[in-house]
């Protein structure tokens, strides 16, 4: 009777049957459209300040190794130090670029380069008031995704953003930052469903 119960239970849960292979669906496929929004803390490297952004991204997978992605970072606040020369009242970072993905399972690592712009509003001086300007910028991002279902995944990434604020009363000022993002991402498959599985053979 015990053997019969064990056999029935292993049939209902194939992962417990050493004689069967597990077919795990792979969610990262061509045509996947994914996005998310989260709170992103950062560190201004030259300006010696801790920043916080509201960030979001939209990404389209073109094949199993590459994707195109756009990111936006909307400045919310910062904690400045006595070494901070520039204190932005508004800052928006916008990037677009290509990414390379690594891994054959639902755990995917990635790295990418993005070009973009930084729009900054800051106090230019006692008499001239606030000044807004647009400067070129680029971002290098690396991170990891773990796809747990066809509609969502978890992600964590870190990126270095490079930009220079030109024409200030202190001269040109570097506004480079390190930004960290993590959270829950969502995705949908835009192409006709293709069966793609990772086969795992249990070992006991």
C-alpha atoms as a PDB file:
ATOM      1  CA  UNK A   1       0.000   0.000   0.000  1.00  0.00           C
ATOM      2  CA  UNK A   2       2.863   2.382   0.838  1.00  0.00           C
ATOM      3  CA  UNK A   3       4.467   1.632  -2.538  1.00  0.00           C
ATOM      4  CA  UNK A   4       1.157   2.307  -4.293  1.00  0.00           C
ATOM      5  CA  UNK A   5       0.742   5.678  -2.547  1.00  0.00           C
ATOM      6  CA  UNK A   6       4.326   6.617  -3.393  1.00  0.00           C
ATOM      7  CA  UNK A   7       3.797   5.726  -7.051  1.00  0.00           C
ATOM      8  CA  UNK A   8       0.554   7.741  -7.227  1.00  0.00           C
ATOM      9  CA  UNK A   9       2.179  10.768  -5.558  1.00  0.00           C
ATOM     10  CA  UNK A  10       5.154  10.721  -7.931  1.00  0.00           C
ATOM     11  CA  UNK A  11       2.770  10.602 -10.892  1.00  0.00           C
ATOM     12  CA  UNK A  12       1.026  13.772  -9.675  1.00  0.00           C
ATOM     13  CA  UNK A  13       4.368  15.509  -9.048  1.00  0.00           C
ATOM     14  CA  UNK A  14       6.721  14.382 -11.825  1.00  0.00           C
ATOM     15  CA  UNK A  15       9.683  16.143 -10.232  1.00  0.00           C
ATOM     16  CA  UNK A  16       9.697  13.457  -7.544  1.00  0.00           C
ATOM     17  CA  UNK A  17       9.837  10.594 -10.032  1.00  0.00           C
ATOM     18  CA  UNK A  18      13.517   9.741 -10.798  1.00  0.00           C
ATOM     19  CA  UNK A  19      12.437   7.933 -13.970  1.00  0.00           C
ATOM     20  CA  UNK A  20      10.894  11.037 -15.540  1.00  0.00           C
ATOM     21  CA  UNK A  21      12.449  14.172 -16.977  1.00  0.00           C
ATOM     22  CA  UNK A  22      11.214  17.625 -15.992  1.00  0.00           C
ATOM     23  CA  UNK A  23      10.407  20.027 -18.824  1.00  0.00           C
ATOM     24  CA  UNK A  24      10.700  23.579 -17.512  1.00  0.00           C
ATOM     25  CA  UNK A  25       9.367  26.277 -19.873  1.00  0.00           C
ATOM     26  CA  UNK A  26      11.876  28.966 -20.838  1.00  0.00           C
ATOM     27  CA  UNK A  27      10.246  32.396 -20.725  1.00  0.00           C
ATOM     28  CA  UNK A  28      13.074  34.467 -22.208  1.00  0.00           C
ATOM     29  CA  UNK A  29      12.344  34.162 -25.919  1.00  0.00           C
ATOM     30  CA  UNK A  30      12.278  36.226 -29.088  1.00  0.00           C
ATOM     31  CA  UNK A  31       9.370  38.664 -29.029  1.00  0.00           C
ATOM     32  CA  UNK A  32       9.247  39.090 -25.250  1.00  0.00           C
ATOM     33  CA  UNK A  33       8.207  42.610 -24.195  1.00  0.00           C
ATOM     34  CA  UNK A  34       9.033  43.475 -20.597  1.00  0.00           C
ATOM     35  CA  UNK A  35       9.001  46.460 -18.290  1.00  0.00           C
ATOM     36  CA  UNK A  36       8.842  47.685 -14.736  1.00  0.00           C
ATOM     37  CA  UNK A  37       9.057  50.701 -12.433  1.00  0.00           C
ATOM     38  CA  UNK A  38      10.843  50.964  -9.095  1.00  0.00           C
ATOM     39  CA  UNK A  39      12.626  53.246  -6.639  1.00  0.00           C
ATOM     40  CA  UNK A  40      16.329  53.575  -7.467  1.00  0.00           C
ATOM     41  CA  UNK A  41      18.906  54.835  -4.959  1.00  0.00           C
ATOM     42  CA  UNK A  42      22.149  56.288  -6.258  1.00  0.00           C
ATOM     43  CA  UNK A  43      25.461  57.829  -5.344  1.00  0.00           C
ATOM     44  CA  UNK A  44      26.726  60.984  -7.057  1.00  0.00           C
ATOM     45  CA  UNK A  45      30.446  60.278  -7.384  1.00  0.00           C
ATOM     46  CA  UNK A  46      31.929  63.757  -7.882  1.00  0.00           C
ATOM     47  CA  UNK A  47      29.099  65.729  -6.285  1.00  0.00           C
ATOM     48  CA  UNK A  48      29.334  63.698  -3.048  1.00  0.00           C
ATOM     49  CA  UNK A  49      25.612  63.141  -2.548  1.00  0.00           C
ATOM     50  CA  UNK A  50      23.168  60.272  -2.091  1.00  0.00           C
ATOM     51  CA  UNK A  51      20.309  60.482  -4.590  1.00  0.00           C
ATOM     52  CA  UNK A  52      17.004  58.732  -5.146  1.00  0.00           C
ATOM     53  CA  UNK A  53      15.109  58.303  -8.418  1.00  0.00           C
ATOM     54  CA  UNK A  54      11.853  56.905  -9.695  1.00  0.00           C
ATOM     55  CA  UNK A  55      12.954  54.684 -12.573  1.00  0.00           C
ATOM     56  CA  UNK A  56      11.363  52.539 -15.237  1.00  0.00           C
ATOM     57  CA  UNK A  57      12.344  50.511 -18.275  1.00  0.00           C
ATOM     58  CA  UNK A  58      10.862  48.943 -21.398  1.00  0.00           C
ATOM     59  CA  UNK A  59      12.718  46.137 -23.185  1.00  0.00           C
ATOM     60  CA  UNK A  60      12.147  44.032 -26.304  1.00  0.00           C
ATOM     61  CA  UNK A  61      13.941  40.727 -26.876  1.00  0.00           C
ATOM     62  CA  UNK A  62      15.050  40.247 -30.503  1.00  0.00           C
ATOM     63  CA  UNK A  63      16.572  36.764 -30.008  1.00  0.00           C
ATOM     64  CA  UNK A  64      17.847  34.508 -27.235  1.00  0.00           C
ATOM     65  CA  UNK A  65      21.001  36.611 -26.771  1.00  0.00           C
ATOM     66  CA  UNK A  66      20.137  40.250 -27.516  1.00  0.00           C
ATOM     67  CA  UNK A  67      17.536  42.877 -26.667  1.00  0.00           C
ATOM     68  CA  UNK A  68      16.871  46.596 -27.034  1.00  0.00           C
ATOM     69  CA  UNK A  69      16.030  48.557 -23.894  1.00  0.00           C
ATOM     70  CA  UNK A  70      15.076  52.068 -22.843  1.00  0.00           C
ATOM     71  CA  UNK A  71      15.466  53.397 -19.297  1.00  0.00           C
ATOM     72  CA  UNK A  72      14.265  56.568 -17.615  1.00  0.00           C
ATOM     73  CA  UNK A  73      15.367  57.950 -14.227  1.00  0.00           C
ATOM     74  CA  UNK A  74      13.348  60.780 -12.695  1.00  0.00           C
ATOM     75  CA  UNK A  75      15.161  62.583  -9.873  1.00  0.00           C
ATOM     76  CA  UNK A  76      13.175  62.756  -6.637  1.00  0.00           C
ATOM     77  CA  UNK A  77      15.531  63.962  -3.903  1.00  0.00           C
ATOM     78  CA  UNK A  78      19.093  63.837  -2.619  1.00  0.00           C
ATOM     79  CA  UNK A  79      21.099  64.203   0.584  1.00  0.00           C
ATOM     80  CA  UNK A  80      23.986  66.575  -0.089  1.00  0.00           C
ATOM     81  CA  UNK A  81      27.210  67.111   1.810  1.00  0.00           C
ATOM     82  CA  UNK A  82      29.350  70.221   2.357  1.00  0.00           C
ATOM     83  CA  UNK A  83      31.421  69.031  -0.636  1.00  0.00           C
ATOM     84  CA  UNK A  84      28.432  69.160  -3.019  1.00  0.00           C
ATOM     85  CA  UNK A  85      28.847  72.002  -5.520  1.00  0.00           C
ATOM     86  CA  UNK A  86      25.662  71.377  -7.542  1.00  0.00           C
ATOM     87  CA  UNK A  87      22.256  70.684  -5.998  1.00  0.00           C
ATOM     88  CA  UNK A  88      19.765  69.874  -8.789  1.00  0.00           C
ATOM     89  CA  UNK A  89      16.125  70.730  -8.186  1.00  0.00           C
ATOM     90  CA  UNK A  90      15.162  68.663 -11.244  1.00  0.00           C
ATOM     91  CA  UNK A  91      17.013  65.964 -13.135  1.00  0.00           C
ATOM     92  CA  UNK A  92      15.856  63.470 -15.732  1.00  0.00           C
ATOM     93  CA  UNK A  93      18.035  60.788 -17.297  1.00  0.00           C
ATOM     94  CA  UNK A  94      16.859  59.017 -20.459  1.00  0.00           C
ATOM     95  CA  UNK A  95      18.753  56.154 -22.158  1.00  0.00           C
ATOM     96  CA  UNK A  96      18.381  53.649 -24.987  1.00  0.00           C
ATOM     97  CA  UNK A  97      20.700  50.855 -26.052  1.00  0.00           C
ATOM     98  CA  UNK A  98      21.428  47.171 -26.698  1.00  0.00           C
ATOM     99  CA  UNK A  99      21.980  44.363 -24.216  1.00  0.00           C
ATOM    100  CA  UNK A 100      23.704  40.976 -24.328  1.00  0.00           C
ATOM    101  CA  UNK A 101      22.177  38.152 -22.276  1.00  0.00           C
ATOM    102  CA  UNK A 102      23.910  35.069 -20.895  1.00  0.00           C
ATOM    103  CA  UNK A 103      22.555  31.768 -19.586  1.00  0.00           C
ATOM    104  CA  UNK A 104      20.479  28.877 -20.929  1.00  0.00           C
ATOM    105  CA  UNK A 105      17.895  28.702 -18.133  1.00  0.00           C
ATOM    106  CA  UNK A 106      15.373  31.159 -16.663  1.00  0.00           C
ATOM    107  CA  UNK A 107      18.257  32.740 -14.742  1.00  0.00           C
ATOM    108  CA  UNK A 108      19.743  35.291 -17.156  1.00  0.00           C
ATOM    109  CA  UNK A 109      22.674  37.647 -16.662  1.00  0.00           C
ATOM    110  CA  UNK A 110      23.048  40.695 -18.877  1.00  0.00           C
ATOM    111  CA  UNK A 111      25.240  43.665 -19.711  1.00  0.00           C
ATOM    112  CA  UNK A 112      24.579  46.607 -21.989  1.00  0.00           C
ATOM    113  CA  UNK A 113      25.571  50.061 -23.182  1.00  0.00           C
ATOM    114  CA  UNK A 114      23.041  52.886 -23.571  1.00  0.00           C
ATOM    115  CA  UNK A 115      23.309  56.393 -24.973  1.00  0.00           C
ATOM    116  CA  UNK A 116      21.070  59.215 -23.854  1.00  0.00           C
ATOM    117  CA  UNK A 117      20.608  62.646 -22.342  1.00  0.00           C
ATOM    118  CA  UNK A 118      20.456  64.253 -18.925  1.00  0.00           C
ATOM    119  CA  UNK A 119      18.172  67.249 -18.322  1.00  0.00           C
ATOM    120  CA  UNK A 120      19.187  69.198 -15.213  1.00  0.00           C
ATOM    121  CA  UNK A 121      17.736  72.234 -13.464  1.00  0.00           C
ATOM    122  CA  UNK A 122      19.957  73.793 -10.791  1.00  0.00           C
ATOM    123  CA  UNK A 123      20.614  77.104  -9.065  1.00  0.00           C
ATOM    124  CA  UNK A 124      23.134  78.949 -11.218  1.00  0.00           C
ATOM    125  CA  UNK A 125      23.804  81.756  -8.753  1.00  0.00           C
ATOM    126  CA  UNK A 126      22.319  84.296  -6.354  1.00  0.00           C
ATOM    127  CA  UNK A 127      21.320  86.701  -9.124  1.00  0.00           C
ATOM    128  CA  UNK A 128      20.775  84.460 -12.170  1.00  0.00           C
ATOM    129  CA  UNK A 129      18.393  81.984 -10.491  1.00  0.00           C
ATOM    130  CA  UNK A 130      17.666  78.502 -11.805  1.00  0.00           C
ATOM    131  CA  UNK A 131      19.105  77.233 -15.071  1.00  0.00           C
ATOM    132  CA  UNK A 132      18.011  74.206 -17.134  1.00  0.00           C
ATOM    133  CA  UNK A 133      20.220  72.501 -19.673  1.00  0.00           C
ATOM    134  CA  UNK A 134      20.436  69.275 -21.659  1.00  0.00           C
ATOM    135  CA  UNK A 135      23.705  67.328 -21.828  1.00  0.00           C
ATOM    136  CA  UNK A 136      24.720  64.083 -23.565  1.00  0.00           C
ATOM    137  CA  UNK A 137      25.155  61.051 -21.358  1.00  0.00           C
ATOM    138  CA  UNK A 138      25.791  57.315 -21.474  1.00  0.00           C
ATOM    139  CA  UNK A 139      25.108  54.371 -19.188  1.00  0.00           C
ATOM    140  CA  UNK A 140      26.756  50.986 -18.630  1.00  0.00           C
ATOM    141  CA  UNK A 141      24.431  48.498 -16.950  1.00  0.00           C
ATOM    142  CA  UNK A 142      24.841  44.938 -15.710  1.00  0.00           C
ATOM    143  CA  UNK A 143      22.432  42.743 -13.807  1.00  0.00           C
ATOM    144  CA  UNK A 144      20.455  39.546 -13.449  1.00  0.00           C
ATOM    145  CA  UNK A 145      16.878  38.423 -14.200  1.00  0.00           C
ATOM    146  CA  UNK A 146      15.072  35.397 -12.850  1.00  0.00           C
ATOM    147  CA  UNK A 147      11.935  34.462 -14.795  1.00  0.00           C
ATOM    148  CA  UNK A 148       9.477  32.667 -12.518  1.00  0.00           C
ATOM    149  CA  UNK A 149       6.328  32.762 -14.684  1.00  0.00           C
ATOM    150  CA  UNK A 150       5.296  33.765 -18.184  1.00  0.00           C
ATOM    151  CA  UNK A 151       4.019  37.108 -16.892  1.00  0.00           C
ATOM    152  CA  UNK A 152       6.658  38.256 -14.407  1.00  0.00           C
ATOM    153  CA  UNK A 153      10.277  38.041 -13.274  1.00  0.00           C
ATOM    154  CA  UNK A 154      12.581  39.388 -10.574  1.00  0.00           C
ATOM    155  CA  UNK A 155      15.501  41.643 -11.456  1.00  0.00           C
ATOM    156  CA  UNK A 156      18.463  43.413  -9.894  1.00  0.00           C
ATOM    157  CA  UNK A 157      20.981  45.617 -11.684  1.00  0.00           C
ATOM    158  CA  UNK A 158      23.623  48.243 -11.152  1.00  0.00           C
ATOM    159  CA  UNK A 159      24.641  50.888 -13.635  1.00  0.00           C
ATOM    160  CA  UNK A 160      27.197  53.614 -14.036  1.00  0.00           C
ATOM    161  CA  UNK A 161      25.916  56.791 -15.688  1.00  0.00           C
ATOM    162  CA  UNK A 162      28.267  59.397 -17.104  1.00  0.00           C
ATOM    163  CA  UNK A 163      27.347  63.037 -17.711  1.00  0.00           C
ATOM    164  CA  UNK A 164      28.927  66.470 -17.470  1.00  0.00           C
ATOM    165  CA  UNK A 165      27.134  69.669 -16.528  1.00  0.00           C
ATOM    166  CA  UNK A 166      28.765  72.423 -18.585  1.00  0.00           C
ATOM    167  CA  UNK A 167      28.764  76.186 -18.149  1.00  0.00           C
ATOM    168  CA  UNK A 168      28.224  76.387 -14.386  1.00  0.00           C
ATOM    169  CA  UNK A 169      29.723  79.138 -12.237  1.00  0.00           C
ATOM    170  CA  UNK A 170      32.291  76.521 -11.136  1.00  0.00           C
ATOM    171  CA  UNK A 171      33.081  75.468 -14.694  1.00  0.00           C
ATOM    172  CA  UNK A 172      32.201  72.061 -16.138  1.00  0.00           C
ATOM    173  CA  UNK A 173      31.073  69.660 -13.418  1.00  0.00           C
ATOM    174  CA  UNK A 174      31.004  65.858 -13.700  1.00  0.00           C
ATOM    175  CA  UNK A 175      27.650  64.426 -12.598  1.00  0.00           C
ATOM    176  CA  UNK A 176      28.479  60.708 -12.751  1.00  0.00           C
ATOM    177  CA  UNK A 177      26.407  58.343 -10.629  1.00  0.00           C
ATOM    178  CA  UNK A 178      26.164  54.722  -9.571  1.00  0.00           C
ATOM    179  CA  UNK A 179      22.503  53.605  -9.557  1.00  0.00           C
ATOM    180  CA  UNK A 180      21.017  50.403  -8.131  1.00  0.00           C
ATOM    181  CA  UNK A 181      17.614  48.973  -9.095  1.00  0.00           C
ATOM    182  CA  UNK A 182      15.750  45.846  -8.043  1.00  0.00           C
ATOM    183  CA  UNK A 183      12.177  44.642  -8.034  1.00  0.00           C
ATOM    184  CA  UNK A 184       9.432  42.786  -9.840  1.00  0.00           C
ATOM    185  CA  UNK A 185       9.212  43.035 -13.623  1.00  0.00           C
ATOM    186  CA  UNK A 186       6.344  42.174 -15.942  1.00  0.00           C
ATOM    187  CA  UNK A 187       6.358  40.719 -19.442  1.00  0.00           C
ATOM    188  CA  UNK A 188       4.173  39.497 -22.292  1.00  0.00           C
ATOM    189  CA  UNK A 189       5.009  37.452 -25.370  1.00  0.00           C
ATOM    190  CA  UNK A 190       4.180  39.424 -28.534  1.00  0.00           C
ATOM    191  CA  UNK A 191       4.891  36.644 -31.023  1.00  0.00           C
ATOM    192  CA  UNK A 192       3.125  33.385 -31.735  1.00  0.00           C
ATOM    193  CA  UNK A 193       3.782  30.997 -28.882  1.00  0.00           C
ATOM    194  CA  UNK A 194       6.791  28.769 -29.463  1.00  0.00           C
ATOM    195  CA  UNK A 195       7.415  25.745 -27.281  1.00  0.00           C
ATOM    196  CA  UNK A 196      10.825  26.079 -25.661  1.00  0.00           C
ATOM    197  CA  UNK A 197      11.791  24.008 -22.669  1.00  0.00           C
ATOM    198  CA  UNK A 198      14.777  23.240 -20.487  1.00  0.00           C
ATOM    199  CA  UNK A 199      14.978  19.520 -19.714  1.00  0.00           C
ATOM    200  CA  UNK A 200      16.236  18.546 -16.272  1.00  0.00           C
ATOM    201  CA  UNK A 201      16.826  14.946 -15.303  1.00  0.00           C
ATOM    202  CA  UNK A 202      16.507  14.446 -11.535  1.00  0.00           C
ATOM    203  CA  UNK A 203      19.374  12.651  -9.819  1.00  0.00           C
ATOM    204  CA  UNK A 204      18.897  10.772  -6.576  1.00  0.00           C
END
